[in-house]
């Protein structure tokens, strides 16, 4: 988590990410979900850079996400 870096740009404006350093979370899985393929309630640890996107007006929008930590990187448009 210390190496995590990321940017988010919504409609040309940066959105500041918040760092979360490992918090206990509870996940409720639906049958056949992509993570466990099982339904049920699971405990996990959530960490990373997170953003909250404000409510958007109807219409087209642009969202660009870039992030990396160690050997892992991601880019979403």
PDB file of N, CA and C in Angstrom:
ATOM      1  N   UNK A   1       0.829  -1.193   0.000  1.00  0.00           N
ATOM      2  CA  UNK A   1       0.000   0.000   0.000  1.00  0.00           C
ATOM      3  C   UNK A   1       0.870   1.252   0.000  1.00  0.00           C
ATOM      4  N   UNK A   2       2.045   1.181   0.604  1.00  0.00           N
ATOM      5  CA  UNK A   2       2.909   2.363   0.656  1.00  0.00           C
ATOM      6  C   UNK A   2       3.347   2.816  -0.721  1.00  0.00           C
ATOM      7  N   UNK A   3       3.451   1.869  -1.666  1.00  0.00           N
ATOM      8  CA  UNK A   3       3.895   2.186  -3.020  1.00  0.00           C
ATOM      9  C   UNK A   3       2.750   2.625  -3.931  1.00  0.00           C
ATOM     10  N   UNK A   4       1.524   2.556  -3.458  1.00  0.00           N
ATOM     11  CA  UNK A   4       0.363   2.830  -4.312  1.00  0.00           C
ATOM     12  C   UNK A   4       0.362   4.276  -4.792  1.00  0.00           C
ATOM     13  N   UNK A   5       0.146   4.431  -6.090  1.00  0.00           N
ATOM     14  CA  UNK A   5       0.009   5.743  -6.710  1.00  0.00           C
ATOM     15  C   UNK A   5      -1.158   5.660  -7.677  1.00  0.00           C
ATOM     16  N   UNK A   6      -1.889   6.743  -7.824  1.00  0.00           N
ATOM     17  CA  UNK A   6      -2.993   6.711  -8.764  1.00  0.00           C
ATOM     18  C   UNK A   6      -3.572   8.079  -9.025  1.00  0.00           C
ATOM     19  N   UNK A   7      -4.245   8.168 -10.166  1.00  0.00           N
ATOM     20  CA  UNK A   7      -4.942   9.394 -10.537  1.00  0.00           C
ATOM     21  C   UNK A   7      -6.312   9.033 -11.090  1.00  0.00           C
ATOM     22  N   UNK A   8      -7.243   9.939 -10.886  1.00  0.00           N
ATOM     23  CA  UNK A   8      -8.582   9.819 -11.455  1.00  0.00           C
ATOM     24  C   UNK A   8      -8.937  11.180 -12.031  1.00  0.00           C
ATOM     25  N   UNK A   9      -9.433  11.166 -13.275  1.00  0.00           N
ATOM     26  CA  UNK A   9      -9.859  12.400 -13.935  1.00  0.00           C
ATOM     27  C   UNK A   9     -11.287  12.191 -14.422  1.00  0.00           C
ATOM     28  N   UNK A  10     -12.196  13.027 -13.946  1.00  0.00           N
ATOM     29  CA  UNK A  10     -13.607  12.961 -14.326  1.00  0.00           C
ATOM     30  C   UNK A  10     -13.943  14.212 -15.126  1.00  0.00           C
ATOM     31  N   UNK A  11     -14.326  14.038 -16.372  1.00  0.00           N
ATOM     32  CA  UNK A  11     -14.671  15.157 -17.254  1.00  0.00           C
ATOM     33  C   UNK A  11     -13.577  16.227 -17.268  1.00  0.00           C
ATOM     34  N   UNK A  12     -12.315  15.771 -17.306  1.00  0.00           N
ATOM     35  CA  UNK A  12     -11.188  16.687 -17.397  1.00  0.00           C
ATOM     36  C   UNK A  12     -10.729  17.269 -16.079  1.00  0.00           C
ATOM     37  N   UNK A  13     -11.409  16.961 -14.982  1.00  0.00           N
ATOM     38  CA  UNK A  13     -11.066  17.508 -13.662  1.00  0.00           C
ATOM     39  C   UNK A  13     -10.543  16.391 -12.763  1.00  0.00           C
ATOM     40  N   UNK A  14      -9.404  16.614 -12.084  1.00  0.00           N
ATOM     41  CA  UNK A  14      -8.888  15.575 -11.187  1.00  0.00           C
ATOM     42  C   UNK A  14      -9.811  15.346  -9.991  1.00  0.00           C
ATOM     43  N   UNK A  15      -9.906  14.089  -9.577  1.00  0.00           N
ATOM     44  CA  UNK A  15     -10.632  13.703  -8.373  1.00  0.00           C
ATOM     45  C   UNK A  15      -9.592  13.108  -7.433  1.00  0.00           C
ATOM     46  N   UNK A  16      -9.457  13.673  -6.249  1.00  0.00           N
ATOM     47  CA  UNK A  16      -8.409  13.269  -5.310  1.00  0.00           C
ATOM     48  C   UNK A  16      -8.728  11.910  -4.684  1.00  0.00           C
ATOM     49  N   UNK A  17      -7.826  10.928  -4.825  1.00  0.00           N
ATOM     50  CA  UNK A  17      -8.056   9.631  -4.178  1.00  0.00           C
ATOM     51  C   UNK A  17      -7.772   9.698  -2.681  1.00  0.00           C
ATOM     52  N   UNK A  18      -8.407   8.800  -1.941  1.00  0.00           N
ATOM     53  CA  UNK A  18      -8.164   8.653  -0.505  1.00  0.00           C
ATOM     54  C   UNK A  18      -7.466   7.315  -0.287  1.00  0.00           C
ATOM     55  N   UNK A  19      -6.421   7.302   0.528  1.00  0.00           N
ATOM     56  CA  UNK A  19      -5.704   6.062   0.835  1.00  0.00           C
ATOM     57  C   UNK A  19      -6.364   5.372   2.022  1.00  0.00           C
ATOM     58  N   UNK A  20      -6.611   4.084   1.871  1.00  0.00           N
ATOM     59  CA  UNK A  20      -7.138   3.253   2.960  1.00  0.00           C
ATOM     60  C   UNK A  20      -6.121   2.148   3.219  1.00  0.00           C
ATOM     61  N   UNK A  21      -5.628   2.075   4.424  1.00  0.00           N
ATOM     62  CA  UNK A  21      -4.489   1.240   4.783  1.00  0.00           C
ATOM     63  C   UNK A  21      -4.833  -0.156   5.299  1.00  0.00           C
ATOM     64  N   UNK A  22      -5.880  -0.732   4.916  1.00  0.00           N
ATOM     65  CA  UNK A  22      -6.198  -2.067   5.396  1.00  0.00           C
ATOM     66  C   UNK A  22      -7.253  -2.049   6.478  1.00  0.00           C
ATOM     67  N   UNK A  23      -8.477  -2.074   6.065  1.00  0.00           N
ATOM     68  CA  UNK A  23      -9.606  -2.042   6.984  1.00  0.00           C
ATOM     69  C   UNK A  23     -10.388  -3.343   6.846  1.00  0.00           C
ATOM     70  N   UNK A  24     -10.885  -3.835   7.959  1.00  0.00           N
ATOM     71  CA  UNK A  24     -11.726  -5.024   7.908  1.00  0.00           C
ATOM     72  C   UNK A  24     -13.028  -4.668   7.200  1.00  0.00           C
ATOM     73  N   UNK A  25     -13.409  -5.482   6.234  1.00  0.00           N
ATOM     74  CA  UNK A  25     -14.670  -5.277   5.517  1.00  0.00           C
ATOM     75  C   UNK A  25     -15.445  -6.590   5.478  1.00  0.00           C
ATOM     76  N   UNK A  26     -16.731  -6.486   5.266  1.00  0.00           N
ATOM     77  CA  UNK A  26     -17.597  -7.645   5.103  1.00  0.00           C
ATOM     78  C   UNK A  26     -18.172  -7.595   3.695  1.00  0.00           C
ATOM     79  N   UNK A  27     -18.072  -8.707   2.990  1.00  0.00           N
ATOM     80  CA  UNK A  27     -18.539  -8.799   1.609  1.00  0.00           C
ATOM     81  C   UNK A  27     -19.650  -9.835   1.552  1.00  0.00           C
ATOM     82  N   UNK A  28     -20.748  -9.483   0.903  1.00  0.00           N
ATOM     83  CA  UNK A  28     -21.828 -10.449   0.701  1.00  0.00           C
ATOM     84  C   UNK A  28     -21.791 -10.891  -0.754  1.00  0.00           C
ATOM     85  N   UNK A  29     -21.437 -12.146  -0.985  1.00  0.00           N
ATOM     86  CA  UNK A  29     -21.300 -12.677  -2.337  1.00  0.00           C
ATOM     87  C   UNK A  29     -22.596 -13.278  -2.853  1.00  0.00           C
ATOM     88  N   UNK A  30     -22.896 -12.968  -4.098  1.00  0.00           N
ATOM     89  CA  UNK A  30     -24.049 -13.553  -4.775  1.00  0.00           C
ATOM     90  C   UNK A  30     -23.632 -14.893  -5.393  1.00  0.00           C
ATOM     91  N   UNK A  31     -24.553 -15.812  -5.605  1.00  0.00           N
ATOM     92  CA  UNK A  31     -24.206 -17.085  -6.233  1.00  0.00           C
ATOM     93  C   UNK A  31     -23.533 -16.843  -7.588  1.00  0.00           C
ATOM     94  N   UNK A  32     -22.440 -17.550  -7.839  1.00  0.00           N
ATOM     95  CA  UNK A  32     -21.750 -17.437  -9.114  1.00  0.00           C
ATOM     96  C   UNK A  32     -20.939 -16.165  -9.285  1.00  0.00           C
ATOM     97  N   UNK A  33     -20.683 -15.421  -8.194  1.00  0.00           N
ATOM     98  CA  UNK A  33     -19.911 -14.185  -8.338  1.00  0.00           C
ATOM     99  C   UNK A  33     -18.498 -14.487  -8.817  1.00  0.00           C
ATOM    100  N   UNK A  34     -17.847 -13.507  -9.405  1.00  0.00           N
ATOM    101  CA  UNK A  34     -16.542 -13.709 -10.039  1.00  0.00           C
ATOM    102  C   UNK A  34     -15.397 -13.889  -9.044  1.00  0.00           C
ATOM    103  N   UNK A  35     -15.584 -13.545  -7.787  1.00  0.00           N
ATOM    104  CA  UNK A  35     -14.489 -13.640  -6.819  1.00  0.00           C
ATOM    105  C   UNK A  35     -14.439 -15.017  -6.180  1.00  0.00           C
ATOM    106  N   UNK A  36     -15.538 -15.478  -5.604  1.00  0.00           N
ATOM    107  CA  UNK A  36     -15.534 -16.760  -4.886  1.00  0.00           C
ATOM    108  C   UNK A  36     -16.414 -17.807  -5.550  1.00  0.00           C
ATOM    109  N   UNK A  37     -17.271 -17.384  -6.467  1.00  0.00           N
ATOM    110  CA  UNK A  37     -18.260 -18.241  -7.127  1.00  0.00           C
ATOM    111  C   UNK A  37     -19.271 -18.832  -6.147  1.00  0.00           C
ATOM    112  N   UNK A  38     -19.277 -18.332  -4.924  1.00  0.00           N
ATOM    113  CA  UNK A  38     -20.191 -18.822  -3.895  1.00  0.00           C
ATOM    114  C   UNK A  38     -20.977 -17.667  -3.312  1.00  0.00           C
ATOM    115  N   UNK A  39     -22.165 -17.977  -2.812  1.00  0.00           N
ATOM    116  CA  UNK A  39     -22.902 -16.953  -2.085  1.00  0.00           C
ATOM    117  C   UNK A  39     -22.554 -17.049  -0.609  1.00  0.00           C
ATOM    118  N   UNK A  40     -22.750 -15.957   0.087  1.00  0.00           N
ATOM    119  CA  UNK A  40     -22.491 -15.957   1.516  1.00  0.00           C
ATOM    120  C   UNK A  40     -21.813 -14.680   1.956  1.00  0.00           C
ATOM    121  N   UNK A  41     -21.568 -14.589   3.232  1.00  0.00           N
ATOM    122  CA  UNK A  41     -20.942 -13.411   3.823  1.00  0.00           C
ATOM    123  C   UNK A  41     -19.515 -13.789   4.199  1.00  0.00           C
ATOM    124  N   UNK A  42     -18.561 -12.945   3.759  1.00  0.00           N
ATOM    125  CA  UNK A  42     -17.147 -13.212   3.959  1.00  0.00           C
ATOM    126  C   UNK A  42     -16.470 -12.004   4.596  1.00  0.00           C
ATOM    127  N   UNK A  43     -15.482 -12.270   5.441  1.00  0.00           N
ATOM    128  CA  UNK A  43     -14.656 -11.201   5.987  1.00  0.00           C
ATOM    129  C   UNK A  43     -13.414 -11.071   5.115  1.00  0.00           C
ATOM    130  N   UNK A  44     -12.936  -9.840   4.935  1.00  0.00           N
ATOM    131  CA  UNK A  44     -11.766  -9.591   4.107  1.00  0.00           C
ATOM    132  C   UNK A  44     -11.093  -8.315   4.599  1.00  0.00           C
ATOM    133  N   UNK A  45      -9.994  -7.974   3.950  1.00  0.00           N
ATOM    134  CA  UNK A  45      -9.303  -6.727   4.234  1.00  0.00           C
ATOM    135  C   UNK A  45      -9.361  -5.875   2.981  1.00  0.00           C
ATOM    136  N   UNK A  46      -9.820  -4.637   3.125  1.00  0.00           N
ATOM    137  CA  UNK A  46      -9.887  -3.706   2.000  1.00  0.00           C
ATOM    138  C   UNK A  46      -8.818  -2.648   2.165  1.00  0.00           C
ATOM    139  N   UNK A  47      -8.052  -2.432   1.102  1.00  0.00           N
ATOM    140  CA  UNK A  47      -7.051  -1.375   1.136  1.00  0.00           C
ATOM    141  C   UNK A  47      -6.884  -0.830  -0.275  1.00  0.00           C
ATOM    142  N   UNK A  48      -6.225   0.280  -0.399  1.00  0.00           N
ATOM    143  CA  UNK A  48      -5.949   0.845  -1.708  1.00  0.00           C
ATOM    144  C   UNK A  48      -6.314   2.306  -1.771  1.00  0.00           C
ATOM    145  N   UNK A  49      -6.283   2.817  -2.987  1.00  0.00           N
ATOM    146  CA  UNK A  49      -6.693   4.188  -3.243  1.00  0.00           C
ATOM    147  C   UNK A  49      -8.125   4.161  -3.742  1.00  0.00           C
ATOM    148  N   UNK A  50      -8.988   4.955  -3.143  1.00  0.00           N
ATOM    149  CA  UNK A  50     -10.406   4.968  -3.463  1.00  0.00           C
ATOM    150  C   UNK A  50     -10.835   6.398  -3.771  1.00  0.00           C
ATOM    151  N   UNK A  51     -11.817   6.533  -4.651  1.00  0.00           N
ATOM    152  CA  UNK A  51     -12.407   7.846  -4.915  1.00  0.00           C
ATOM    153  C   UNK A  51     -13.919   7.733  -4.831  1.00  0.00           C
ATOM    154  N   UNK A  52     -14.548   8.833  -4.486  1.00  0.00           N
ATOM    155  CA  UNK A  52     -16.000   8.924  -4.528  1.00  0.00           C
ATOM    156  C   UNK A  52     -16.348   9.887  -5.649  1.00  0.00           C
ATOM    157  N   UNK A  53     -17.098   9.397  -6.611  1.00  0.00           N
ATOM    158  CA  UNK A  53     -17.515  10.216  -7.743  1.00  0.00           C
ATOM    159  C   UNK A  53     -18.840  10.881  -7.389  1.00  0.00           C
ATOM    160  N   UNK A  54     -18.935  12.189  -7.573  1.00  0.00           N
ATOM    161  CA  UNK A  54     -20.183  12.875  -7.241  1.00  0.00           C
ATOM    162  C   UNK A  54     -21.304  12.462  -8.183  1.00  0.00           C
ATOM    163  N   UNK A  55     -22.564  12.699  -7.794  1.00  0.00           N
ATOM    164  CA  UNK A  55     -23.677  12.422  -8.711  1.00  0.00           C
ATOM    165  C   UNK A  55     -23.478  13.194 -10.017  1.00  0.00           C
ATOM    166  N   UNK A  56     -23.755  12.538 -11.126  1.00  0.00           N
ATOM    167  CA  UNK A  56     -23.527  13.145 -12.436  1.00  0.00           C
ATOM    168  C   UNK A  56     -24.839  13.526 -13.109  1.00  0.00           C
ATOM    169  N   UNK A  57     -24.804  14.584 -13.867  1.00  0.00           N
ATOM    170  CA  UNK A  57     -25.949  14.972 -14.688  1.00  0.00           C
ATOM    171  C   UNK A  57     -26.121  13.937 -15.800  1.00  0.00           C
ATOM    172  N   UNK A  58     -27.329  13.732 -16.303  1.00  0.00           N
ATOM    173  CA  UNK A  58     -27.515  12.819 -17.428  1.00  0.00           C
ATOM    174  C   UNK A  58     -26.665  13.264 -18.619  1.00  0.00           C
ATOM    175  N   UNK A  59     -26.189  12.296 -19.377  1.00  0.00           N
ATOM    176  CA  UNK A  59     -25.393  12.584 -20.564  1.00  0.00           C
ATOM    177  C   UNK A  59     -24.066  11.846 -20.526  1.00  0.00           C
ATOM    178  N   UNK A  60     -23.218  12.151 -21.488  1.00  0.00           N
ATOM    179  CA  UNK A  60     -21.925  11.490 -21.602  1.00  0.00           C
ATOM    180  C   UNK A  60     -20.905  12.131 -20.665  1.00  0.00           C
ATOM    181  N   UNK A  61     -20.029  11.269 -20.131  1.00  0.00           N
ATOM    182  CA  UNK A  61     -18.968  11.719 -19.237  1.00  0.00           C
ATOM    183  C   UNK A  61     -17.703  10.938 -19.556  1.00  0.00           C
ATOM    184  N   UNK A  62     -16.574  11.482 -19.132  1.00  0.00           N
ATOM    185  CA  UNK A  62     -15.287  10.824 -19.311  1.00  0.00           C
ATOM    186  C   UNK A  62     -14.695  10.540 -17.932  1.00  0.00           C
ATOM    187  N   UNK A  63     -14.266   9.284 -17.712  1.00  0.00           N
ATOM    188  CA  UNK A  63     -13.626   8.903 -16.462  1.00  0.00           C
ATOM    189  C   UNK A  63     -12.351   8.142 -16.815  1.00  0.00           C
ATOM    190  N   UNK A  64     -11.209   8.632 -16.349  1.00  0.00           N
ATOM    191  CA  UNK A  64      -9.917   8.016 -16.627  1.00  0.00           C
ATOM    192  C   UNK A  64      -9.260   7.668 -15.290  1.00  0.00           C
ATOM    193  N   UNK A  65      -8.904   6.389 -15.124  1.00  0.00           N
ATOM    194  CA  UNK A  65      -8.297   5.907 -13.890  1.00  0.00           C
ATOM    195  C   UNK A  65      -6.942   5.294 -14.238  1.00  0.00           C
ATOM    196  N   UNK A  66      -5.908   5.695 -13.495  1.00  0.00           N
ATOM    197  CA  UNK A  66      -4.580   5.118 -13.647  1.00  0.00           C
ATOM    198  C   UNK A  66      -4.052   4.829 -12.253  1.00  0.00           C
ATOM    199  N   UNK A  67      -3.461   3.650 -12.072  1.00  0.00           N
ATOM    200  CA  UNK A  67      -2.920   3.328 -10.767  1.00  0.00           C
ATOM    201  C   UNK A  67      -1.828   2.287 -10.862  1.00  0.00           C
ATOM    202  N   UNK A  68      -0.982   2.274  -9.826  1.00  0.00           N
ATOM    203  CA  UNK A  68       0.056   1.247  -9.770  1.00  0.00           C
ATOM    204  C   UNK A  68       0.557   1.090  -8.340  1.00  0.00           C
ATOM    205  N   UNK A  69       1.052  -0.111  -8.086  1.00  0.00           N
ATOM    206  CA  UNK A  69       1.692  -0.433  -6.813  1.00  0.00           C
ATOM    207  C   UNK A  69       2.599  -1.625  -7.079  1.00  0.00           C
ATOM    208  N   UNK A  70       3.889  -1.435  -6.890  1.00  0.00           N
ATOM    209  CA  UNK A  70       4.829  -2.519  -7.175  1.00  0.00           C
ATOM    210  C   UNK A  70       4.759  -2.919  -8.632  1.00  0.00           C
ATOM    211  N   UNK A  71       4.591  -4.217  -8.900  1.00  0.00           N
ATOM    212  CA  UNK A  71       4.525  -4.739 -10.271  1.00  0.00           C
ATOM    213  C   UNK A  71       3.118  -4.682 -10.869  1.00  0.00           C
ATOM    214  N   UNK A  72       2.132  -4.252 -10.087  1.00  0.00           N
ATOM    215  CA  UNK A  72       0.736  -4.215 -10.552  1.00  0.00           C
ATOM    216  C   UNK A  72       0.408  -2.819 -11.063  1.00  0.00           C
ATOM    217  N   UNK A  73      -0.240  -2.755 -12.215  1.00  0.00           N
ATOM    218  CA  UNK A  73      -0.728  -1.457 -12.711  1.00  0.00           C
ATOM    219  C   UNK A  73      -2.074  -1.673 -13.382  1.00  0.00           C
ATOM    220  N   UNK A  74      -2.844  -0.580 -13.452  1.00  0.00           N
ATOM    221  CA  UNK A  74      -4.167  -0.655 -14.061  1.00  0.00           C
ATOM    222  C   UNK A  74      -4.465   0.671 -14.748  1.00  0.00           C
ATOM    223  N   UNK A  75      -5.195   0.588 -15.840  1.00  0.00           N
ATOM    224  CA  UNK A  75      -5.671   1.768 -16.541  1.00  0.00           C
ATOM    225  C   UNK A  75      -7.064   1.509 -17.056  1.00  0.00           C
ATOM    226  N   UNK A  76      -7.968   2.419 -16.762  1.00  0.00           N
ATOM    227  CA  UNK A  76      -9.368   2.276 -17.174  1.00  0.00           C
ATOM    228  C   UNK A  76      -9.832   3.583 -17.777  1.00  0.00           C
ATOM    229  N   UNK A  77     -10.446   3.519 -18.944  1.00  0.00           N
ATOM    230  CA  UNK A  77     -11.059   4.683 -19.573  1.00  0.00           C
ATOM    231  C   UNK A  77     -12.548   4.421 -19.733  1.00  0.00           C
TER     232      UNK A  77
END
